[in-house]
Amino acid sequence: RSDLRGWLVGIAKNKIREVRRKKAPRRIEDVLAESDAD
């Protein structure tokens, strides 16, 4: 229902969220993480 790259990106987002639970700096990558919906 989605293209394969979109599916892979979705998996990557979940993996990144798992990593973020152990980190809390506010850098460009953190901004990106909270900006997906926008």
Full PDB file with SEQRES, HELIX, SHEET, SSBOND, CRYST1, ORIGX, SCALE, CONECT and MASTER records, all heavy atoms in Angstrom:
SEQRES   1 A   38  ARG SER ASP LEU ARG GLY TRP LEU VAL GLY ILE ALA LYS          
SEQRES   2 A   38  ASN LYS ILE ARG GLU VAL ARG ARG LYS LYS ALA PRO ARG          
SEQRES   3 A   38  ARG ILE GLU ASP VAL LEU ALA GLU SER ASP ALA ASP              
HELIX    1 AA1 LEU A    4  ARG A   20  1                                  17    
HELIX    2 AA2 ILE A   28  GLU A   34  1                                   7    
CRYST1    1.000    1.000    1.000  90.00  90.00  90.00 P 1           1          
ORIGX1      1.000000  0.000000  0.000000        0.00000                         
ORIGX2      0.000000  1.000000  0.000000        0.00000                         
ORIGX3      0.000000  0.000000  1.000000        0.00000                         
SCALE1      1.000000  0.000000  0.000000        0.00000                         
SCALE2      0.000000  1.000000  0.000000        0.00000                         
SCALE3      0.000000  0.000000  1.000000        0.00000                         
ATOM      1  N   ARG A   1       0.821  -1.214   0.000  1.00  0.00           N  
ATOM      2  CA  ARG A   1       0.000   0.000   0.000  1.00  0.00           C  
ATOM      3  C   ARG A   1       0.853   1.262   0.000  1.00  0.00           C  
ATOM      4  O   ARG A   1       0.397   2.326  -0.420  1.00  0.00           O  
ATOM      5  CB  ARG A   1      -0.944   0.001   1.207  1.00  0.00           C  
ATOM      6  CG  ARG A   1      -2.103  -0.972   1.050  1.00  0.00           C  
ATOM      7  CD  ARG A   1      -3.074  -0.868   2.205  1.00  0.00           C  
ATOM      8  NE  ARG A   1      -2.488  -1.348   3.452  1.00  0.00           N  
ATOM      9  CZ  ARG A   1      -3.132  -1.371   4.607  1.00  0.00           C  
ATOM     10  NH1 ARG A   1      -4.379  -0.917   4.687  1.00  0.00           N  
ATOM     11  NH2 ARG A   1      -2.535  -1.840   5.697  1.00  0.00           N  
ATOM     12  N   SER A   2       2.084   1.154   0.472  1.00  0.00           N  
ATOM     13  CA  SER A   2       3.049   2.247   0.354  1.00  0.00           C  
ATOM     14  C   SER A   2       4.207   1.723  -0.489  1.00  0.00           C  
ATOM     15  O   SER A   2       4.317   0.527  -0.729  1.00  0.00           O  
ATOM     16  CB  SER A   2       3.564   2.663   1.738  1.00  0.00           C  
ATOM     17  OG  SER A   2       4.264   1.588   2.351  1.00  0.00           O  
ATOM     18  N   ASP A   3       5.066   2.648  -0.964  1.00  0.00           N  
ATOM     19  CA  ASP A   3       6.227   2.149  -1.689  1.00  0.00           C  
ATOM     20  C   ASP A   3       7.224   1.570  -0.685  1.00  0.00           C  
ATOM     21  O   ASP A   3       7.149   1.834   0.513  1.00  0.00           O  
ATOM     22  CB  ASP A   3       6.855   3.229  -2.569  1.00  0.00           C  
ATOM     23  CG  ASP A   3       7.388   4.423  -1.792  1.00  0.00           C  
ATOM     24  OD1 ASP A   3       7.869   4.238  -0.655  1.00  0.00           O  
ATOM     25  OD2 ASP A   3       7.322   5.543  -2.318  1.00  0.00           O  
ATOM     26  N   LEU A   4       8.134   0.775  -1.190  1.00  0.00           N  
ATOM     27  CA  LEU A   4       9.044   0.058  -0.302  1.00  0.00           C  
ATOM     28  C   LEU A   4       9.956   1.022   0.450  1.00  0.00           C  
ATOM     29  O   LEU A   4      10.240   0.813   1.637  1.00  0.00           O  
ATOM     30  CB  LEU A   4       9.881  -0.945  -1.093  1.00  0.00           C  
ATOM     31  CG  LEU A   4      10.738  -1.891  -0.253  1.00  0.00           C  
ATOM     32  CD1 LEU A   4       9.872  -2.744   0.662  1.00  0.00           C  
ATOM     33  CD2 LEU A   4      11.601  -2.775  -1.146  1.00  0.00           C  
ATOM     34  N   ARG A   5      10.397   2.085  -0.207  1.00  0.00           N  
ATOM     35  CA  ARG A   5      11.261   3.031   0.485  1.00  0.00           C  
ATOM     36  C   ARG A   5      10.519   3.672   1.661  1.00  0.00           C  
ATOM     37  O   ARG A   5      11.077   3.842   2.750  1.00  0.00           O  
ATOM     38  CB  ARG A   5      11.740   4.119  -0.467  1.00  0.00           C  
ATOM     39  CG  ARG A   5      12.689   5.080   0.232  1.00  0.00           C  
ATOM     40  CD  ARG A   5      13.042   6.260  -0.625  1.00  0.00           C  
ATOM     41  NE  ARG A   5      13.841   7.204   0.144  1.00  0.00           N  
ATOM     42  CZ  ARG A   5      13.842   8.509  -0.064  1.00  0.00           C  
ATOM     43  NH1 ARG A   5      13.082   9.033  -0.986  1.00  0.00           N  
ATOM     44  NH2 ARG A   5      14.591   9.296   0.665  1.00  0.00           N  
ATOM     45  N   GLY A   6       9.245   4.024   1.455  1.00  0.00           N  
ATOM     46  CA  GLY A   6       8.461   4.593   2.544  1.00  0.00           C  
ATOM     47  C   GLY A   6       8.324   3.627   3.700  1.00  0.00           C  
ATOM     48  O   GLY A   6       8.356   4.023   4.875  1.00  0.00           O  
ATOM     49  N   TRP A   7       8.155   2.352   3.384  1.00  0.00           N  
ATOM     50  CA  TRP A   7       8.042   1.315   4.422  1.00  0.00           C  
ATOM     51  C   TRP A   7       9.351   1.213   5.197  1.00  0.00           C  
ATOM     52  O   TRP A   7       9.357   1.130   6.430  1.00  0.00           O  
ATOM     53  CB  TRP A   7       7.677  -0.005   3.763  1.00  0.00           C  
ATOM     54  CG  TRP A   7       7.395  -1.136   4.692  1.00  0.00           C  
ATOM     55  CD1 TRP A   7       6.342  -1.268   5.550  1.00  0.00           C  
ATOM     56  CD2 TRP A   7       8.174  -2.336   4.843  1.00  0.00           C  
ATOM     57  NE1 TRP A   7       6.413  -2.468   6.219  1.00  0.00           N  
ATOM     58  CE2 TRP A   7       7.523  -3.144   5.807  1.00  0.00           C  
ATOM     59  CE3 TRP A   7       9.338  -2.808   4.242  1.00  0.00           C  
ATOM     60  CZ2 TRP A   7       8.019  -4.394   6.179  1.00  0.00           C  
ATOM     61  CZ3 TRP A   7       9.830  -4.055   4.609  1.00  0.00           C  
ATOM     62  CH2 TRP A   7       9.167  -4.833   5.584  1.00  0.00           C  
ATOM     63  N   LEU A   8      10.485   1.225   4.474  1.00  0.00           N  
ATOM     64  CA  LEU A   8      11.791   1.161   5.128  1.00  0.00           C  
ATOM     65  C   LEU A   8      12.030   2.392   5.999  1.00  0.00           C  
ATOM     66  O   LEU A   8      12.565   2.290   7.107  1.00  0.00           O  
ATOM     67  CB  LEU A   8      12.897   1.044   4.072  1.00  0.00           C  
ATOM     68  CG  LEU A   8      12.970  -0.282   3.308  1.00  0.00           C  
ATOM     69  CD1 LEU A   8      13.935  -0.159   2.137  1.00  0.00           C  
ATOM     70  CD2 LEU A   8      13.379  -1.420   4.226  1.00  0.00           C  
ATOM     71  N   VAL A   9      11.629   3.565   5.517  1.00  0.00           N  
ATOM     72  CA  VAL A   9      11.770   4.786   6.307  1.00  0.00           C  
ATOM     73  C   VAL A   9      10.955   4.686   7.596  1.00  0.00           C  
ATOM     74  O   VAL A   9      11.392   5.114   8.669  1.00  0.00           O  
ATOM     75  CB  VAL A   9      11.339   6.019   5.489  1.00  0.00           C  
ATOM     76  CG1 VAL A   9      11.134   7.238   6.388  1.00  0.00           C  
ATOM     77  CG2 VAL A   9      12.384   6.332   4.419  1.00  0.00           C  
ATOM     78  N   GLY A  10       9.750   4.097   7.501  1.00  0.00           N  
ATOM     79  CA  GLY A  10       8.928   3.916   8.696  1.00  0.00           C  
ATOM     80  C   GLY A  10       9.617   3.049   9.733  1.00  0.00           C  
ATOM     81  O   GLY A  10       9.568   3.344  10.937  1.00  0.00           O  
ATOM     82  N   ILE A  11      10.263   1.983   9.272  1.00  0.00           N  
ATOM     83  CA  ILE A  11      11.014   1.122  10.192  1.00  0.00           C  
ATOM     84  C   ILE A  11      12.167   1.900  10.802  1.00  0.00           C  
ATOM     85  O   ILE A  11      12.421   1.834  12.019  1.00  0.00           O  
ATOM     86  CB  ILE A  11      11.535  -0.130   9.460  1.00  0.00           C  
ATOM     87  CG1 ILE A  11      10.351  -1.010   9.002  1.00  0.00           C  
ATOM     88  CG2 ILE A  11      12.476  -0.934  10.360  1.00  0.00           C  
ATOM     89  CD1 ILE A  11      10.762  -2.185   8.142  1.00  0.00           C  
ATOM     90  N   ALA A  12      12.884   2.666   9.955  1.00  0.00           N  
ATOM     91  CA  ALA A  12      14.013   3.455  10.456  1.00  0.00           C  
ATOM     92  C   ALA A  12      13.563   4.463  11.509  1.00  0.00           C  
ATOM     93  O   ALA A  12      14.248   4.668  12.519  1.00  0.00           O  
ATOM     94  CB  ALA A  12      14.702   4.167   9.288  1.00  0.00           C  
ATOM     95  N   LYS A  13      12.417   5.093  11.297  1.00  0.00           N  
ATOM     96  CA  LYS A  13      11.899   6.052  12.284  1.00  0.00           C  
ATOM     97  C   LYS A  13      11.687   5.374  13.630  1.00  0.00           C  
ATOM     98  O   LYS A  13      12.004   5.938  14.687  1.00  0.00           O  
ATOM     99  CB  LYS A  13      10.583   6.659  11.796  1.00  0.00           C  
ATOM    100  CG  LYS A  13      10.731   7.685  10.691  1.00  0.00           C  
ATOM    101  CD  LYS A  13       9.364   8.227  10.300  1.00  0.00           C  
ATOM    102  CE  LYS A  13       9.474   9.255   9.191  1.00  0.00           C  
ATOM    103  NZ  LYS A  13       8.139   9.768   8.785  1.00  0.00           N  
ATOM    104  N   ASN A  14      11.131   4.166  13.609  1.00  0.00           N  
ATOM    105  CA  ASN A  14      10.901   3.440  14.863  1.00  0.00           C  
ATOM    106  C   ASN A  14      12.218   3.119  15.553  1.00  0.00           C  
ATOM    107  O   ASN A  14      12.320   3.215  16.788  1.00  0.00           O  
ATOM    108  CB  ASN A  14      10.114   2.161  14.593  1.00  0.00           C  
ATOM    109  CG  ASN A  14       8.665   2.434  14.244  1.00  0.00           C  
ATOM    110  OD1 ASN A  14       8.101   3.460  14.635  1.00  0.00           O  
ATOM    111  ND2 ASN A  14       8.050   1.532  13.508  1.00  0.00           N  
ATOM    112  N   LYS A  15      13.217   2.732  14.774  1.00  0.00           N  
ATOM    113  CA  LYS A  15      14.522   2.426  15.363  1.00  0.00           C  
ATOM    114  C   LYS A  15      15.160   3.676  15.970  1.00  0.00           C  
ATOM    115  O   LYS A  15      15.792   3.620  17.036  1.00  0.00           O  
ATOM    116  CB  LYS A  15      15.453   1.824  14.304  1.00  0.00           C  
ATOM    117  CG  LYS A  15      14.952   0.524  13.684  1.00  0.00           C  
ATOM    118  CD  LYS A  15      14.727  -0.552  14.737  1.00  0.00           C  
ATOM    119  CE  LYS A  15      14.185  -1.832  14.125  1.00  0.00           C  
ATOM    120  NZ  LYS A  15      13.900  -2.859  15.152  1.00  0.00           N  
ATOM    121  N   ILE A  16      14.997   4.798  15.281  1.00  0.00           N  
ATOM    122  CA  ILE A  16      15.555   6.050  15.790  1.00  0.00           C  
ATOM    123  C   ILE A  16      14.852   6.454  17.086  1.00  0.00           C  
ATOM    124  O   ILE A  16      15.483   6.935  18.036  1.00  0.00           O  
ATOM    125  CB  ILE A  16      15.434   7.153  14.724  1.00  0.00           C  
ATOM    126  CG1 ILE A  16      16.364   6.838  13.548  1.00  0.00           C  
ATOM    127  CG2 ILE A  16      15.772   8.523  15.316  1.00  0.00           C  
ATOM    128  CD1 ILE A  16      16.122   7.697  12.321  1.00  0.00           C  
ATOM    129  N   ARG A  17      13.530   6.255  17.144  1.00  0.00           N  
ATOM    130  CA  ARG A  17      12.799   6.575  18.382  1.00  0.00           C  
ATOM    131  C   ARG A  17      13.315   5.735  19.551  1.00  0.00           C  
ATOM    132  O   ARG A  17      13.406   6.217  20.688  1.00  0.00           O  
ATOM    133  CB  ARG A  17      11.307   6.340  18.174  1.00  0.00           C  
ATOM    134  CG  ARG A  17      10.638   7.352  17.257  1.00  0.00           C  
ATOM    135  CD  ARG A  17       9.134   7.206  17.238  1.00  0.00           C  
ATOM    136  NE  ARG A  17       8.550   8.064  16.225  1.00  0.00           N  
ATOM    137  CZ  ARG A  17       8.070   7.642  15.064  1.00  0.00           C  
ATOM    138  NH1 ARG A  17       8.112   6.343  14.772  1.00  0.00           N  
ATOM    139  NH2 ARG A  17       7.561   8.484  14.187  1.00  0.00           N  
ATOM    140  N   GLU A  18      13.642   4.477  19.279  1.00  0.00           N  
ATOM    141  CA  GLU A  18      14.192   3.632  20.329  1.00  0.00           C  
ATOM    142  C   GLU A  18      15.517   4.197  20.835  1.00  0.00           C  
ATOM    143  O   GLU A  18      15.785   4.194  22.045  1.00  0.00           O  
ATOM    144  CB  GLU A  18      14.391   2.208  19.791  1.00  0.00           C  
ATOM    145  CG  GLU A  18      13.095   1.472  19.478  1.00  0.00           C  
ATOM    146  CD  GLU A  18      13.344   0.118  18.827  1.00  0.00           C  
ATOM    147  OE1 GLU A  18      14.524  -0.301  18.737  1.00  0.00           O  
ATOM    148  OE2 GLU A  18      12.362  -0.520  18.391  1.00  0.00           O  
ATOM    149  N   VAL A  19      16.337   4.683  19.907  1.00  0.00           N  
ATOM    150  CA  VAL A  19      17.615   5.276  20.292  1.00  0.00           C  
ATOM    151  C   VAL A  19      17.389   6.532  21.115  1.00  0.00           C  
ATOM    152  O   VAL A  19      18.081   6.797  22.106  1.00  0.00           O  
ATOM    153  CB  VAL A  19      18.455   5.593  19.038  1.00  0.00           C  
ATOM    154  CG1 VAL A  19      19.675   6.442  19.399  1.00  0.00           C  
ATOM    155  CG2 VAL A  19      18.897   4.305  18.360  1.00  0.00           C  
ATOM    156  N   ARG A  20      16.398   7.332  20.733  1.00  0.00           N  
ATOM    157  CA  ARG A  20      16.158   8.623  21.386  1.00  0.00           C  
ATOM    158  C   ARG A  20      15.693   8.482  22.825  1.00  0.00           C  
ATOM    159  O   ARG A  20      15.815   9.428  23.603  1.00  0.00           O  
ATOM    160  CB  ARG A  20      15.124   9.419  20.598  1.00  0.00           C  
ATOM    161  CG  ARG A  20      15.689   9.894  19.308  1.00  0.00           C  
ATOM    162  CD  ARG A  20      14.757  10.834  18.600  1.00  0.00           C  
ATOM    163  NE  ARG A  20      15.356  11.139  17.318  1.00  0.00           N  
ATOM    164  CZ  ARG A  20      16.431  11.875  17.160  1.00  0.00           C  
ATOM    165  NH1 ARG A  20      17.001  12.413  18.209  1.00  0.00           N  
ATOM    166  NH2 ARG A  20      16.943  12.078  15.971  1.00  0.00           N  
ATOM    167  N   ARG A  21      15.121   7.342  23.140  1.00  0.00           N  
ATOM    168  CA  ARG A  21      14.693   7.149  24.525  1.00  0.00           C  
ATOM    169  C   ARG A  21      15.886   7.162  25.486  1.00  0.00           C  
ATOM    170  O   ARG A  21      15.724   7.351  26.690  1.00  0.00           O  
ATOM    171  CB  ARG A  21      13.926   5.830  24.654  1.00  0.00           C  
ATOM    172  CG  ARG A  21      12.614   5.827  23.877  1.00  0.00           C  
ATOM    173  CD  ARG A  21      11.775   4.618  24.225  1.00  0.00           C  
ATOM    174  NE  ARG A  21      10.599   4.551  23.379  1.00  0.00           N  
ATOM    175  CZ  ARG A  21      10.431   3.688  22.380  1.00  0.00           C  
ATOM    176  NH1 ARG A  21      11.374   2.790  22.126  1.00  0.00           N  
ATOM    177  NH2 ARG A  21       9.332   3.697  21.650  1.00  0.00           N  
ATOM    178  N   LYS A  22      17.085   6.961  24.934  1.00  0.00           N  
ATOM    179  CA  LYS A  22      18.298   6.942  25.752  1.00  0.00           C  
ATOM    180  C   LYS A  22      19.090   8.245  25.638  1.00  0.00           C  
ATOM    181  O   LYS A  22      20.124   8.389  26.271  1.00  0.00           O  
ATOM    182  CB  LYS A  22      19.194   5.779  25.320  1.00  0.00           C  
ATOM    183  CG  LYS A  22      18.483   4.430  25.347  1.00  0.00           C  
ATOM    184  CD  LYS A  22      19.373   3.346  24.760  1.00  0.00           C  
ATOM    185  CE  LYS A  22      18.651   2.009  24.695  1.00  0.00           C  
ATOM    186  NZ  LYS A  22      19.494   0.954  24.071  1.00  0.00           N  
ATOM    187  N   LYS A  23      18.589   9.170  24.808  1.00  0.00           N  
ATOM    188  CA  LYS A  23      19.317  10.427  24.592  1.00  0.00           C  
ATOM    189  C   LYS A  23      18.341  11.591  24.688  1.00  0.00           C  
ATOM    190  O   LYS A  23      17.167  11.445  24.398  1.00  0.00           O  
ATOM    191  CB  LYS A  23      19.963  10.435  23.195  1.00  0.00           C  
ATOM    192  CG  LYS A  23      20.959   9.317  22.965  1.00  0.00           C  
ATOM    193  CD  LYS A  23      21.390   9.258  21.519  1.00  0.00           C  
ATOM    194  CE  LYS A  23      22.110  10.502  21.086  1.00  0.00           C  
ATOM    195  NZ  LYS A  23      22.587  10.434  19.696  1.00  0.00           N  
ATOM    196  N   ALA A  24      18.858  12.778  25.068  1.00  0.00           N  
ATOM    197  CA  ALA A  24      17.964  13.924  25.158  1.00  0.00           C  
ATOM    198  C   ALA A  24      18.562  15.257  24.722  1.00  0.00           C  
ATOM    199  O   ALA A  24      18.115  16.298  25.175  1.00  0.00           O  
ATOM    200  CB  ALA A  24      17.449  14.060  26.585  1.00  0.00           C  
ATOM    201  N   PRO A  25      19.560  15.294  23.848  1.00  0.00           N  
ATOM    202  CA  PRO A  25      20.078  16.592  23.406  1.00  0.00           C  
ATOM    203  C   PRO A  25      19.141  17.228  22.386  1.00  0.00           C  
ATOM    204  O   PRO A  25      18.446  16.513  21.664  1.00  0.00           O  
ATOM    205  CB  PRO A  25      21.419  16.234  22.752  1.00  0.00           C  
ATOM    206  CG  PRO A  25      21.204  14.858  22.232  1.00  0.00           C  
ATOM    207  CD  PRO A  25      20.283  14.185  23.207  1.00  0.00           C  
ATOM    208  N   ARG A  26      19.107  18.522  22.313  1.00  0.00           N  
ATOM    209  CA  ARG A  26      18.298  19.180  21.292  1.00  0.00           C  
ATOM    210  C   ARG A  26      19.223  19.660  20.178  1.00  0.00           C  
ATOM    211  O   ARG A  26      19.774  20.752  20.225  1.00  0.00           O  
ATOM    212  CB  ARG A  26      17.516  20.344  21.869  1.00  0.00           C  
ATOM    213  CG  ARG A  26      16.610  20.984  20.817  1.00  0.00           C  
ATOM    214  CD  ARG A  26      15.566  21.872  21.425  1.00  0.00           C  
ATOM    215  NE  ARG A  26      14.714  22.447  20.405  1.00  0.00           N  
ATOM    216  CZ  ARG A  26      13.687  21.809  19.846  1.00  0.00           C  
ATOM    217  NH1 ARG A  26      13.392  20.584  20.227  1.00  0.00           N  
ATOM    218  NH2 ARG A  26      12.960  22.392  18.918  1.00  0.00           N  
ATOM    219  N   ARG A  27      19.358  18.825  19.186  1.00  0.00           N  
ATOM    220  CA  ARG A  27      20.173  19.143  18.024  1.00  0.00           C  
ATOM    221  C   ARG A  27      19.299  19.045  16.788  1.00  0.00           C  
ATOM    222  O   ARG A  27      18.110  18.789  16.883  1.00  0.00           O  
ATOM    223  CB  ARG A  27      21.361  18.174  17.942  1.00  0.00           C  
ATOM    224  CG  ARG A  27      22.291  18.270  19.151  1.00  0.00           C  
ATOM    225  CD  ARG A  27      23.422  17.286  19.049  1.00  0.00           C  
ATOM    226  NE  ARG A  27      22.947  15.903  19.091  1.00  0.00           N  
ATOM    227  CZ  ARG A  27      23.736  14.850  18.900  1.00  0.00           C  
ATOM    228  NH1 ARG A  27      24.995  15.013  18.627  1.00  0.00           N  
ATOM    229  NH2 ARG A  27      23.234  13.623  18.992  1.00  0.00           N  
ATOM    230  N   ILE A  28      19.894  19.213  15.600  1.00  0.00           N  
ATOM    231  CA  ILE A  28      19.097  19.206  14.373  1.00  0.00           C  
ATOM    232  C   ILE A  28      18.345  17.896  14.209  1.00  0.00           C  
ATOM    233  O   ILE A  28      17.205  17.853  13.750  1.00  0.00           O  
ATOM    234  CB  ILE A  28      19.987  19.483  13.128  1.00  0.00           C  
ATOM    235  CG1 ILE A  28      19.135  19.545  11.863  1.00  0.00           C  
ATOM    236  CG2 ILE A  28      21.079  18.435  12.984  1.00  0.00           C  
ATOM    237  CD1 ILE A  28      18.106  20.636  11.867  1.00  0.00           C  
ATOM    238  N   GLU A  29      18.987  16.785  14.622  1.00  0.00           N  
ATOM    239  CA  GLU A  29      18.305  15.499  14.469  1.00  0.00           C  
ATOM    240  C   GLU A  29      17.082  15.389  15.372  1.00  0.00           C  
ATOM    241  O   GLU A  29      16.099  14.724  15.030  1.00  0.00           O  
ATOM    242  CB  GLU A  29      19.274  14.337  14.726  1.00  0.00           C  
ATOM    243  CG  GLU A  29      20.065  14.419  16.018  1.00  0.00           C  
ATOM    244  CD  GLU A  29      21.396  15.111  15.840  1.00  0.00           C  
ATOM    245  OE1 GLU A  29      21.537  15.900  14.875  1.00  0.00           O  
ATOM    246  OE2 GLU A  29      22.297  14.879  16.661  1.00  0.00           O  
ATOM    247  N   ASP A  30      17.114  16.036  16.540  1.00  0.00           N  
ATOM    248  CA  ASP A  30      15.955  16.037  17.430  1.00  0.00           C  
ATOM    249  C   ASP A  30      14.828  16.880  16.846  1.00  0.00           C  
ATOM    250  O   ASP A  30      13.655  16.544  16.957  1.00  0.00           O  
ATOM    251  CB  ASP A  30      16.344  16.570  18.812  1.00  0.00           C  
ATOM    252  CG  ASP A  30      17.405  15.711  19.466  1.00  0.00           C  
ATOM    253  OD1 ASP A  30      17.116  14.543  19.773  1.00  0.00           O  
ATOM    254  OD2 ASP A  30      18.529  16.201  19.632  1.00  0.00           O  
ATOM    255  N   VAL A  31      15.206  17.992  16.244  1.00  0.00           N  
ATOM    256  CA  VAL A  31      14.207  18.826  15.580  1.00  0.00           C  
ATOM    257  C   VAL A  31      13.515  18.044  14.479  1.00  0.00           C  
ATOM    258  O   VAL A  31      12.300  18.096  14.312  1.00  0.00           O  
ATOM    259  CB  VAL A  31      14.868  20.105  15.007  1.00  0.00           C  
ATOM    260  CG1 VAL A  31      13.872  20.893  14.169  1.00  0.00           C  
ATOM    261  CG2 VAL A  31      15.404  20.972  16.138  1.00  0.00           C  
ATOM    262  N   LEU A  32      14.302  17.302  13.701  1.00  0.00           N  
ATOM    263  CA  LEU A  32      13.724  16.485  12.631  1.00  0.00           C  
ATOM    264  C   LEU A  32      12.750  15.456  13.183  1.00  0.00           C  
ATOM    265  O   LEU A  32      11.688  15.215  12.611  1.00  0.00           O  
ATOM    266  CB  LEU A  32      14.844  15.776  11.852  1.00  0.00           C  
ATOM    267  CG  LEU A  32      15.532  16.612  10.784  1.00  0.00           C  
ATOM    268  CD1 LEU A  32      16.828  15.951  10.371  1.00  0.00           C  
ATOM    269  CD2 LEU A  32      14.626  16.810   9.586  1.00  0.00           C  
ATOM    270  N   ALA A  33      13.126  14.844  14.288  1.00  0.00           N  
ATOM    271  CA  ALA A  33      12.285  13.789  14.855  1.00  0.00           C  
ATOM    272  C   ALA A  33      10.905  14.301  15.229  1.00  0.00           C  
ATOM    273  O   ALA A  33       9.913  13.591  15.103  1.00  0.00           O  
ATOM    274  CB  ALA A  33      12.960  13.178  16.084  1.00  0.00           C  
ATOM    275  N   GLU A  34      10.815  15.531  15.689  1.00  0.00           N  
ATOM    276  CA  GLU A  34       9.528  16.068  16.103  1.00  0.00           C  
ATOM    277  C   GLU A  34       8.824  16.797  14.967  1.00  0.00           C  
ATOM    278  O   GLU A  34       7.724  17.313  15.146  1.00  0.00           O  
ATOM    279  CB  GLU A  34       9.703  17.017  17.281  1.00  0.00           C  
ATOM    280  CG  GLU A  34      10.372  18.333  16.939  1.00  0.00           C  
ATOM    281  CD  GLU A  34      10.498  19.245  18.151  1.00  0.00           C  
ATOM    282  OE1 GLU A  34      10.644  18.730  19.276  1.00  0.00           O  
ATOM    283  OE2 GLU A  34      10.451  20.467  17.954  1.00  0.00           O  
ATOM    284  N   SER A  35       9.443  16.851  13.794  1.00  0.00           N  
ATOM    285  CA  SER A  35       8.889  17.629  12.686  1.00  0.00           C  
ATOM    286  C   SER A  35       8.268  16.779  11.601  1.00  0.00           C  
ATOM    287  O   SER A  35       7.812  17.309  10.589  1.00  0.00           O  
ATOM    288  CB  SER A  35       9.999  18.502  12.066  1.00  0.00           C  
ATOM    289  OG  SER A  35      10.521  19.389  13.010  1.00  0.00           O  
ATOM    290  N   ASP A  36       8.227  15.462  11.770  1.00  0.00           N  
ATOM    291  CA  ASP A  36       7.738  14.600  10.703  1.00  0.00           C  
ATOM    292  C   ASP A  36       6.327  14.966  10.258  1.00  0.00           C  
ATOM    293  O   ASP A  36       6.021  14.997   9.067  1.00  0.00           O  
ATOM    294  CB  ASP A  36       7.786  13.129  11.137  1.00  0.00           C  
ATOM    295  CG  ASP A  36       9.206  12.583  11.137  1.00  0.00           C  
ATOM    296  OD1 ASP A  36      10.013  13.054  10.321  1.00  0.00           O  
ATOM    297  OD2 ASP A  36       9.494  11.701  11.952  1.00  0.00           O  
ATOM    298  N   ALA A  37       5.438  15.221  11.214  1.00  0.00           N  
ATOM    299  CA  ALA A  37       4.056  15.540  10.866  1.00  0.00           C  
ATOM    300  C   ALA A  37       3.987  16.845  10.080  1.00  0.00           C  
ATOM    301  O   ALA A  37       3.240  16.961   9.093  1.00  0.00           O  
ATOM    302  CB  ALA A  37       3.196  15.633  12.126  1.00  0.00           C  
ATOM    303  N   ASP A  38       4.779  17.840  10.496  1.00  0.00           N  
ATOM    304  CA  ASP A  38       4.801  19.112   9.787  1.00  0.00           C  
ATOM    305  C   ASP A  38       5.369  18.948   8.381  1.00  0.00           C  
ATOM    306  O   ASP A  38       4.876  19.551   7.421  1.00  0.00           O  
ATOM    307  CB  ASP A  38       5.653  20.131  10.555  1.00  0.00           C  
ATOM    308  CG  ASP A  38       5.067  20.451  11.921  1.00  0.00           C  
ATOM    309  OD1 ASP A  38       3.899  20.856  11.972  1.00  0.00           O  
ATOM    310  OD2 ASP A  38       5.771  20.288  12.916  1.00  0.00           O  
TER     311      ASP A  38                                                      
MASTER        0    0    0    2    0    0    0    6  310    1    0    3          
END                                                                             
